[in-house]
Each structure stands twice: as structure tokens, then as C-alpha cells.
Amino acid sequence: MQLFDELKTLGHKHVKVNKEAQQKVPTGLWISCPKCHQSFYHKDLGVYQACPSCAYGFRITARERLEWLVDDFKEMDTDLITKDPLEFPGYMDKLTKARKITNLNDSVLTGIAKINNQECALGIMDPKFIMGSLGTITGEKITRLFEEATRKNLPLVLFTASGGARMQEGIFSLMQMAKVSQAVKRHSNAGLFYLTVLTDPTTGGVTASFAMQGDIIISEPRALVGFAGKRVIEQTIHQRVPEDLQDAETVLAEGFIDAIVSRDKQKDTIAWLLEMNKKKGGRHG
């Protein structure tokens, strides 16, 4: 039995969209966490830009992180600019765009900082500069940071965020892994402390070198940490891998990370580690 006359019901074909009003509705008010898939009001991200449900740290620029991390900061090596060694098509345009977005000369911010009055050399890789990829200037800036820390007898804190080597620079990019690792070794030989903080994502050549060479390695919650991407792994071994295979929590369980620290606790935790190291007389104390 037909209870309603189809012509008298309010079907979607009878509703006219007010396009002018629709354009006035703000976008981006509600955000979905890519990890736990919970939706929340954008202001709930807070100053730390972290999911209020699972504490996943959304990808932020190096300068945004600097705002809540340090008490004082003196930037280094702002004049270093890549020469585009392979003359890769469209690369200089990509660099110009990335510099505008991040206000950096390349994918890492370096300098001397104070965190809760603990002095250290500080590097922060920026995932919004061509996905924090490792180029020649990135490697040079991090190398110089380690060399300056060694000269000044300072501990070093490095926040990593990278999609891996920068394809536009080919072998010159891959060479940075060895160059930075040598600087890390000289810093270590001087008995100085090196702390790495893994953020989302830390992958590729950065993971295969200096990101995992810290005396202590901590990570943000739910950060992607790995070498090859999930799809590449599956294509190589011809089988499915768990969704959480490269989550920081899994990497912690397997012993590659010492602790997972949410952003709201990072400043105090880092300062405490720097202070304890100083009291013990350095890494070898």
C-alpha cells in the first residue's frame, strides 16, 4: 500500500541548493585524525597540533615547532642555497615554493638553543619542505650543526621528519647519509650527547643513517617510522603487512625506540635528559 504521494514528498530533486550560501560556509572546521580516524573541532588541536584522542602529532613546520619548544634560539647557515647539481627540470620552482611555505632555505632549521635553560645544538627537519627530503644543503646544515656542537662541547637534539633522499639530487643526496654520519661519530668521540626525536614521517635514508644513531631515541605518538614504504615492502615480499607495522609503538616494542613522548611533554623531557647528561659528565660519564 502506498502511504505517501510521491509528488507531494520532499525528495532531493525538489531541493534547490543555495550556492551563494554554501560558499559562505567555512571549510576545515572539522578534522579527521589520519591515525585513529576520530573527528574533532579544529581548535581542539591546540598549540601542539596534536589529536586530542590518540595524541598523534600532525605535520607542522619547523618554525611552528620552535614556538613552543625553546626559550631562546640563534639560527645558523641561513645563506646556504642548493645549486641544483643535476639541473633537474622544475626543481628550482619546487624549491622556491617550499621556501615560501616554510620560511627556510632548505628542509632543516638549525641553530643553538636553550630549552628550559639547557643549552644545546638544535636541528628541526621540516616535513613541509618537499616532505623533509634529504638534499645536499640539508646534509650540509646538519653536518655543520654537529661540527659546531663538537667545537662548543654541546649536546645535540635533532627532530627528524623525512620522506627520504631527494630524488632531484640523485647520488649527491645519498652521499649526505655518510657525511652526516661521520659528523655524528666525531661528536660521539668527543663524549657528547646526541638525542633524536622521530616525528611523522621518518623514513628512507634519514632512518637508515642519523635518525637512528642517537644515544637516546624518542618518538612522537603514532609517527610513521621505517625505511621502505608499506607498498614497496608488500610488492617485494608478495604478502600483506600489518597496518601498524611502521607505527612508532610497534618500533618501540621491537626495541628501536627508547620512549614515546607526546608533544606537550617534549620540552620538559628533553630538558631533563640534557640536564641528567650534564650531571653525569657527558655521554660517557
Protein backbone atom coordinates (compact mmCIF):
# COMPACT_ATOMS: atom_id res chain seq x y z
CA MET A 1 0.00 0.00 0.00
CA GLN A 2 1.32 3.42 -0.98
CA LEU A 3 1.23 5.66 2.10
CA PHE A 4 2.56 8.83 0.50
CA ASP A 5 2.05 10.51 -2.80
CA GLU A 6 5.48 10.68 -4.39
CA LEU A 7 4.74 14.07 -5.94
CA LYS A 8 3.99 15.62 -2.54
CA THR A 9 7.08 14.33 -0.73
CA LEU A 10 10.23 16.42 -0.32
CA GLY A 11 12.67 14.49 -2.49
CA HIS A 12 16.19 15.60 -3.29
CA LYS A 13 15.11 16.57 -6.79
CA HIS A 14 12.83 19.25 -5.32
CA VAL A 15 15.56 20.88 -3.18
CA LYS A 16 17.45 23.76 -4.73
CA VAL A 17 20.93 24.34 -3.34
CA ASN A 18 21.67 27.90 -2.36
CA LYS A 19 25.14 28.06 -3.87
CA GLU A 20 25.81 31.56 -2.56
CA ALA A 21 25.08 30.49 1.00
CA GLN A 22 27.09 27.29 0.51
CA GLN A 23 30.19 29.30 -0.46
CA LYS A 24 29.96 31.25 2.79
CA VAL A 25 30.22 28.11 4.95
CA PRO A 26 33.81 27.85 6.28
CA THR A 27 35.77 24.73 5.40
CA GLY A 28 38.19 22.85 7.62
CA LEU A 29 36.22 23.34 10.85
CA TRP A 30 36.21 19.60 11.50
CA ILE A 31 39.33 17.47 11.21
CA SER A 32 39.70 13.72 10.97
CA CYS A 33 42.79 12.15 12.54
CA PRO A 34 44.63 10.03 9.94
CA LYS A 35 45.60 7.52 12.64
CA CYS A 36 42.59 6.93 14.92
CA HIS A 37 40.05 8.39 12.43
CA GLN A 38 38.27 10.37 15.14
CA SER A 39 36.75 13.68 14.03
CA PHE A 40 37.10 16.77 16.15
CA TYR A 41 36.73 20.56 16.05
CA HIS A 42 39.82 22.19 14.59
CA LYS A 43 40.50 24.32 17.68
CA ASP A 44 40.88 21.13 19.72
CA LEU A 45 44.25 20.60 18.02
CA GLY A 46 45.62 23.22 20.38
CA VAL A 47 49.04 24.82 20.31
CA TYR A 48 50.74 21.44 19.87
CA GLN A 49 48.70 20.49 16.79
CA ALA A 50 48.03 17.03 18.22
CA CYS A 51 44.99 14.75 18.05
CA PRO A 52 43.01 15.04 21.31
CA SER A 53 42.10 11.35 21.06
CA CYS A 54 45.36 9.48 20.30
CA ALA A 55 47.98 12.29 20.66
CA TYR A 56 49.18 11.84 17.06
CA GLY A 57 51.22 14.91 16.13
CA PHE A 58 50.04 16.48 12.89
CA ARG A 59 52.77 17.55 10.49
CA ILE A 60 53.91 21.09 11.28
CA THR A 61 56.66 23.39 10.04
CA ALA A 62 59.95 23.68 11.87
CA ARG A 63 59.17 27.25 12.91
CA GLU A 64 55.79 26.23 14.31
CA ARG A 65 57.54 23.63 16.47
CA LEU A 66 60.13 26.16 17.56
CA GLU A 67 57.43 28.40 19.07
CA TRP A 68 56.60 26.04 21.93
CA LEU A 69 59.90 24.17 22.22
CA VAL A 70 62.62 26.70 23.02
CA ASP A 71 63.26 29.67 25.28
CA ASP A 72 65.95 31.10 23.02
CA PHE A 73 67.26 30.27 19.56
CA LYS A 74 70.04 31.57 17.32
CA GLU A 75 69.69 30.29 13.76
CA MET A 76 72.67 29.10 11.69
CA ASP A 77 73.54 28.79 7.99
CA THR A 78 70.60 30.68 6.51
CA ASP A 79 72.67 31.62 3.44
CA LEU A 80 73.20 28.09 2.08
CA ILE A 81 71.31 27.55 -1.19
CA THR A 82 71.37 24.46 -3.42
CA LYS A 83 72.98 24.81 -6.85
CA ASP A 84 70.63 22.22 -8.40
CA PRO A 85 73.52 19.80 -9.16
CA LEU A 86 71.60 17.75 -11.76
CA GLU A 87 69.71 20.67 -13.33
CA PHE A 88 66.56 18.67 -12.73
CA PRO A 89 63.52 20.01 -14.68
CA GLY A 90 61.17 22.08 -12.49
CA TYR A 91 63.31 21.61 -9.37
CA MET A 92 64.11 25.29 -8.78
CA ASP A 93 60.40 26.16 -8.95
CA LYS A 94 59.69 23.47 -6.37
CA LEU A 95 62.41 24.86 -4.10
CA THR A 96 61.09 28.40 -4.41
CA LYS A 97 57.61 27.24 -3.41
CA ALA A 98 58.95 25.25 -0.45
CA ARG A 99 60.99 28.21 0.81
CA LYS A 100 57.91 30.41 0.70
CA ILE A 101 55.80 27.88 2.64
CA THR A 102 58.36 27.17 5.37
CA ASN A 103 60.48 30.33 5.52
CA LEU A 104 63.57 28.10 5.37
CA ASN A 105 66.43 27.88 2.88
CA ASP A 106 66.13 24.07 2.88
CA SER A 107 64.41 21.23 4.73
CA VAL A 108 66.05 21.67 8.13
CA LEU A 109 66.24 24.51 10.65
CA THR A 110 69.49 24.56 12.65
CA GLY A 111 70.94 26.68 15.43
CA ILE A 112 71.92 26.98 19.08
CA ALA A 113 69.01 26.84 21.52
CA LYS A 114 68.05 26.91 25.15
CA ILE A 115 65.33 24.51 26.29
CA ASN A 116 64.33 25.19 29.89
CA ASN A 117 67.73 26.88 30.28
CA GLN A 118 69.59 23.82 28.96
CA GLU A 119 71.85 24.88 26.09
CA CYS A 120 72.13 22.60 23.08
CA ALA A 121 72.59 22.49 19.33
CA LEU A 122 69.16 22.02 17.77
CA GLY A 123 68.02 20.81 14.38
CA ILE A 124 64.41 20.51 13.23
CA MET A 125 63.58 18.89 9.89
CA ASP A 126 60.52 20.29 8.14
CA PRO A 127 58.05 17.85 6.52
CA LYS A 128 56.51 20.70 4.54
CA PHE A 129 59.75 21.41 2.65
CA ILE A 130 59.49 18.80 -0.12
CA MET A 131 58.49 16.25 2.56
CA GLY A 132 61.64 16.93 4.57
CA SER A 133 63.68 15.22 1.88
CA LEU A 134 67.43 14.91 2.34
CA GLY A 135 69.25 17.15 -0.14
CA THR A 136 72.80 18.45 -0.27
CA ILE A 137 72.00 21.59 1.73
CA THR A 138 70.03 19.60 4.31
CA GLY A 139 73.02 17.34 4.82
CA GLU A 140 75.45 20.26 4.90
CA LYS A 141 73.41 22.14 7.50
CA ILE A 142 73.12 19.10 9.78
CA THR A 143 76.84 18.33 9.37
CA ARG A 144 77.76 21.90 10.29
CA LEU A 145 75.42 21.70 13.28
CA PHE A 146 77.26 18.63 14.61
CA GLU A 147 80.62 20.27 13.97
CA GLU A 148 79.56 23.42 15.83
CA ALA A 149 78.24 21.32 18.73
CA THR A 150 81.55 19.46 18.88
CA ARG A 151 83.54 22.72 18.89
CA LYS A 152 81.36 24.22 21.62
CA ASN A 153 81.14 20.99 23.64
CA LEU A 154 77.34 20.95 23.37
CA PRO A 155 74.77 18.15 23.29
CA LEU A 156 72.68 17.96 20.15
CA VAL A 157 68.93 17.46 19.72
CA LEU A 158 67.62 16.60 16.25
CA PHE A 159 63.94 16.34 15.25
CA THR A 160 63.69 14.16 12.17
CA ALA A 161 60.92 14.28 9.55
CA SER A 162 61.66 13.00 6.08
CA GLY A 163 60.38 11.10 3.11
CA GLY A 164 63.96 10.04 2.38
CA ALA A 165 66.61 11.09 -0.13
CA ARG A 166 65.74 13.90 -2.55
CA MET A 167 65.38 12.33 -5.99
CA GLN A 168 66.12 15.62 -7.80
CA GLU A 169 69.70 15.49 -6.48
CA GLY A 170 70.39 11.80 -7.10
CA ILE A 171 73.67 10.43 -5.74
CA PHE A 172 74.52 13.81 -4.18
CA SER A 173 71.55 13.31 -1.87
CA LEU A 174 72.58 9.77 -0.90
CA MET A 175 76.11 10.98 -0.07
CA GLN A 176 74.66 13.09 2.75
CA MET A 177 73.92 9.94 4.77
CA ALA A 178 77.63 9.13 5.08
CA LYS A 179 78.68 12.75 5.54
CA VAL A 180 76.31 13.40 8.43
CA SER A 181 77.13 10.01 9.99
CA GLN A 182 80.81 10.95 10.08
CA ALA A 183 79.97 14.19 11.88
CA VAL A 184 77.80 12.23 14.34
CA LYS A 185 80.76 9.92 15.03
CA ARG A 186 83.15 12.81 15.71
CA HIS A 187 80.60 14.33 18.09
CA SER A 188 80.27 10.96 19.82
CA ASN A 189 84.05 10.51 20.05
CA ALA A 190 84.16 13.80 21.96
CA GLY A 191 81.90 12.20 24.59
CA LEU A 192 78.93 14.41 23.72
CA PHE A 193 75.25 13.52 23.95
CA TYR A 194 73.00 13.14 20.89
CA LEU A 195 69.21 12.89 21.19
CA THR A 196 66.93 12.18 18.24
CA VAL A 197 63.19 12.84 18.21
CA LEU A 198 61.39 10.96 15.45
CA THR A 199 58.33 12.69 14.02
CA ASP A 200 55.87 11.76 11.29
CA PRO A 201 57.22 10.63 8.88
CA THR A 202 60.81 9.49 9.43
CA THR A 203 61.68 7.21 6.54
CA GLY A 204 64.22 6.31 3.86
CA GLY A 205 67.84 7.36 4.04
CA VAL A 206 67.30 9.52 7.12
CA THR A 207 66.09 6.48 9.07
CA ALA A 208 68.97 4.46 7.61
CA SER A 209 71.52 6.92 8.98
CA PHE A 210 71.47 9.74 11.51
CA ALA A 211 67.86 9.38 12.73
CA MET A 212 68.72 6.06 14.38
CA GLN A 213 72.22 6.98 15.60
CA GLY A 214 71.18 8.93 18.69
CA ASP A 215 72.36 7.91 22.15
CA ILE A 216 68.70 8.11 23.10
CA ILE A 217 65.89 7.90 20.52
CA ILE A 218 62.39 9.09 21.34
CA SER A 219 59.38 9.43 19.08
CA GLU A 220 56.06 11.18 18.86
CA PRO A 221 52.93 9.00 19.23
CA ARG A 222 51.78 7.17 16.09
CA ALA A 223 54.61 8.60 13.97
CA LEU A 224 55.48 6.66 10.83
CA VAL A 225 58.99 5.26 11.27
CA GLY A 226 60.56 2.97 8.69
CA PHE A 227 62.84 2.60 5.70
CA ALA A 228 60.82 1.48 2.68
CA GLY A 229 57.13 2.32 2.35
CA LYS A 230 54.43 -0.24 3.13
CA ARG A 231 53.50 -0.66 -0.54
CA VAL A 232 57.13 -1.27 -1.56
CA ILE A 233 57.53 -3.87 1.19
CA GLU A 234 54.41 -5.72 0.09
CA GLN A 235 55.48 -5.68 -3.56
CA THR A 236 58.89 -7.03 -2.58
CA ILE A 237 57.83 -9.87 -0.24
CA HIS A 238 54.49 -10.54 -2.02
CA GLN A 239 52.41 -10.55 1.15
CA ARG A 240 50.36 -8.13 3.20
CA VAL A 241 51.93 -6.47 6.23
CA PRO A 242 50.10 -5.21 9.35
CA GLU A 243 48.67 -1.70 9.17
CA ASP A 244 50.62 -0.70 12.28
CA LEU A 245 53.92 -2.22 11.12
CA GLN A 246 55.68 1.15 10.97
CA ASP A 247 53.85 2.92 13.77
CA ALA A 248 56.20 4.24 16.46
CA GLU A 249 54.51 1.99 19.01
CA THR A 250 55.47 -1.12 17.01
CA VAL A 251 59.02 0.13 16.51
CA LEU A 252 59.23 0.77 20.28
CA ALA A 253 58.07 -2.77 21.02
CA GLU A 254 60.81 -4.12 18.75
CA GLY A 255 63.47 -2.15 20.62
CA PHE A 256 64.44 0.51 18.10
CA ILE A 257 62.99 3.43 20.11
CA ASP A 258 63.61 4.19 23.77
CA ALA A 259 60.38 6.06 24.55
CA ILE A 260 57.32 7.69 23.03
CA VAL A 261 56.74 11.24 24.24
CA SER A 262 53.75 13.40 23.33
CA ARG A 263 54.35 17.00 22.27
CA ASP A 264 53.01 18.54 25.45
CA LYS A 265 55.72 16.70 27.43
CA GLN A 266 58.60 17.03 25.00
CA LYS A 267 60.10 20.28 26.24
CA ASP A 268 60.34 19.09 29.85
CA THR A 269 61.52 15.61 28.84
CA ILE A 270 64.26 16.92 26.54
CA ALA A 271 65.44 19.45 29.13
CA TRP A 272 65.54 16.70 31.78
CA LEU A 273 67.59 14.41 29.53
CA LEU A 274 70.03 17.24 28.77
CA GLU A 275 70.36 18.09 32.45
CA MET A 276 70.87 14.46 33.53
CA ASN A 277 73.51 14.02 30.86
CA LYS A 278 75.33 17.13 32.05
CA LYS A 279 75.27 15.92 35.66
CA LYS A 280 76.69 12.56 34.60
CA GLY A 281 79.58 14.33 32.90
CA GLY A 282 78.60 13.64 29.30
CA ARG A 283 77.51 10.57 27.39
CA HIS A 284 80.49 8.52 28.57
CA GLY A 285 80.29 9.77 32.16
